[in-house]
Amino acid sequence: QVQLVESGGGLVQAGGSLRLSCVASGSIFRIEAMGWYRQAPGKQRELVAVFTGGGSTDYADSVKGRFTISRDNAKNTVYLQMNSLKPEDTGVYYCNLGGLYPWGQGTQVTVSS
């Protein structure tokens, strides 16, 4: 059973930066296909960044040029560097592989204007 633990969220002013981390434990873990999702208040969870295979990445249009997904295979850790944050980036951020694994508790990101 894979367990996912997200951290690094917080309260930040618009224009600021945060770096989220997702540590995975478990014997079967496909770090090369992981992604970051966020759920804003009253909205559905959406994919914001993902590894698409062969080291490639993809991003939601709303975060392109501002967010960067990366990973450390040795540490079973996926990161999300978020720059130039906007109030609309507010939400709970989760990592997962398309919902294949049990969802972690997420990490709250709040961007004030």
Protein backbone atom coordinates (compact mmCIF):
# COMPACT_ATOMS: atom_id res chain seq x y z
CA GLN A 1 0.00 0.00 0.00
CA VAL A 2 1.42 3.37 -1.04
CA GLN A 3 1.11 6.23 1.41
CA LEU A 4 1.49 9.83 0.29
CA VAL A 5 2.38 12.69 2.62
CA GLU A 6 2.28 16.22 1.28
CA SER A 7 3.87 19.21 2.99
CA GLY A 8 5.21 22.70 2.38
CA GLY A 9 2.00 24.66 2.07
CA GLY A 10 1.25 27.86 3.89
CA LEU A 11 0.04 31.43 3.66
CA VAL A 12 1.84 33.62 1.17
CA GLN A 13 1.24 36.97 -0.48
CA ALA A 14 0.52 37.21 -4.17
CA GLY A 15 3.76 37.09 -6.11
CA GLY A 16 5.42 34.86 -3.56
CA SER A 17 6.74 31.33 -3.83
CA LEU A 18 6.30 28.00 -2.13
CA ARG A 19 7.85 24.59 -2.60
CA LEU A 20 5.65 21.59 -1.92
CA SER A 21 6.95 18.12 -1.19
CA CYS A 22 5.29 14.74 -1.49
CA VAL A 23 6.96 11.77 0.16
CA ALA A 24 5.75 8.32 -0.82
CA SER A 25 6.18 5.08 1.01
CA GLY A 26 5.29 1.62 -0.17
CA SER A 27 6.73 -1.11 -2.25
CA ILE A 28 5.01 -0.26 -5.50
CA PHE A 29 5.44 3.35 -6.44
CA ARG A 30 5.62 4.78 -9.91
CA ILE A 31 7.25 8.10 -9.19
CA GLU A 32 7.83 8.66 -12.91
CA ALA A 33 4.10 9.13 -13.50
CA MET A 34 3.15 11.20 -10.47
CA GLY A 35 1.30 14.45 -10.59
CA TRP A 36 0.18 17.33 -8.41
CA TYR A 37 -3.49 18.17 -8.02
CA ARG A 38 -5.29 20.96 -6.27
CA GLN A 39 -8.78 21.45 -4.98
CA ALA A 40 -10.03 24.98 -4.51
CA PRO A 41 -12.96 25.68 -2.20
CA GLY A 42 -16.20 24.60 -3.86
CA LYS A 43 -14.43 23.21 -6.93
CA GLN A 44 -13.42 19.81 -8.20
CA ARG A 45 -9.92 18.53 -7.84
CA GLU A 46 -7.81 19.39 -10.89
CA LEU A 47 -4.47 18.27 -12.23
CA VAL A 48 -1.90 21.07 -12.26
CA ALA A 49 1.38 19.33 -13.06
CA VAL A 50 2.38 15.82 -14.08
CA PHE A 51 5.21 13.68 -15.35
CA THR A 52 4.19 12.28 -18.72
CA GLY A 53 6.97 9.76 -19.23
CA GLY A 54 10.49 9.93 -20.57
CA GLY A 55 11.23 12.80 -18.22
CA SER A 56 8.64 15.04 -19.85
CA THR A 57 6.17 17.14 -17.91
CA ASP A 58 2.85 18.83 -18.53
CA TYR A 59 1.06 21.64 -16.79
CA ALA A 60 -2.37 23.13 -16.59
CA ASP A 61 -2.56 26.31 -18.66
CA SER A 62 -3.24 28.33 -15.53
CA VAL A 63 0.16 27.45 -14.01
CA LYS A 64 2.42 27.16 -17.05
CA GLY A 65 5.58 29.17 -16.66
CA ARG A 66 5.04 29.53 -12.91
CA PHE A 67 5.01 25.98 -11.50
CA THR A 68 7.67 23.31 -11.91
CA ILE A 69 7.33 19.64 -10.99
CA SER A 70 10.45 17.69 -10.14
CA ARG A 71 11.40 14.52 -8.33
CA ASP A 72 14.11 12.78 -6.36
CA ASN A 73 13.87 9.08 -7.16
CA ALA A 74 16.25 8.10 -4.36
CA LYS A 75 14.04 9.83 -1.80
CA ASN A 76 10.71 8.77 -3.33
CA THR A 77 9.82 12.45 -3.28
CA VAL A 78 8.03 14.66 -5.76
CA TYR A 79 8.23 18.44 -5.55
CA LEU A 80 6.20 21.35 -6.86
CA GLN A 81 7.96 24.69 -7.05
CA MET A 82 5.35 27.41 -7.26
CA ASN A 83 6.41 30.93 -8.20
CA SER A 84 4.49 34.12 -8.89
CA LEU A 85 1.60 32.80 -6.88
CA LYS A 86 -1.86 34.24 -7.42
CA PRO A 87 -4.94 34.24 -5.18
CA GLU A 88 -6.56 31.77 -7.58
CA ASP A 89 -3.83 29.26 -6.73
CA THR A 90 -5.39 28.90 -3.29
CA GLY A 91 -6.46 25.37 -2.45
CA VAL A 92 -5.42 22.06 -1.01
CA TYR A 93 -2.64 20.43 -2.98
CA TYR A 94 -2.26 16.68 -3.34
CA CYS A 95 0.08 14.37 -5.16
CA ASN A 96 -1.07 11.13 -6.75
CA LEU A 97 -0.92 8.99 -9.84
CA GLY A 98 -4.30 9.73 -11.32
CA GLY A 99 -6.04 8.64 -8.12
CA LEU A 100 -4.46 5.20 -8.25
CA TYR A 101 -3.16 5.53 -4.70
CA PRO A 102 -5.10 6.51 -1.56
CA TRP A 103 -5.19 10.28 -1.33
CA GLY A 104 -3.01 11.89 1.33
CA GLN A 105 -4.18 14.68 3.61
CA GLY A 106 -2.90 17.32 1.20
CA THR A 107 -1.24 20.59 2.06
CA GLN A 108 -3.10 23.89 2.21
CA VAL A 109 -1.88 26.78 0.08
CA THR A 110 -3.42 30.18 0.68
CA VAL A 111 -2.41 33.15 -1.45
CA SER A 112 -3.52 36.55 -0.22
CA SER A 113 -3.99 39.51 -2.54
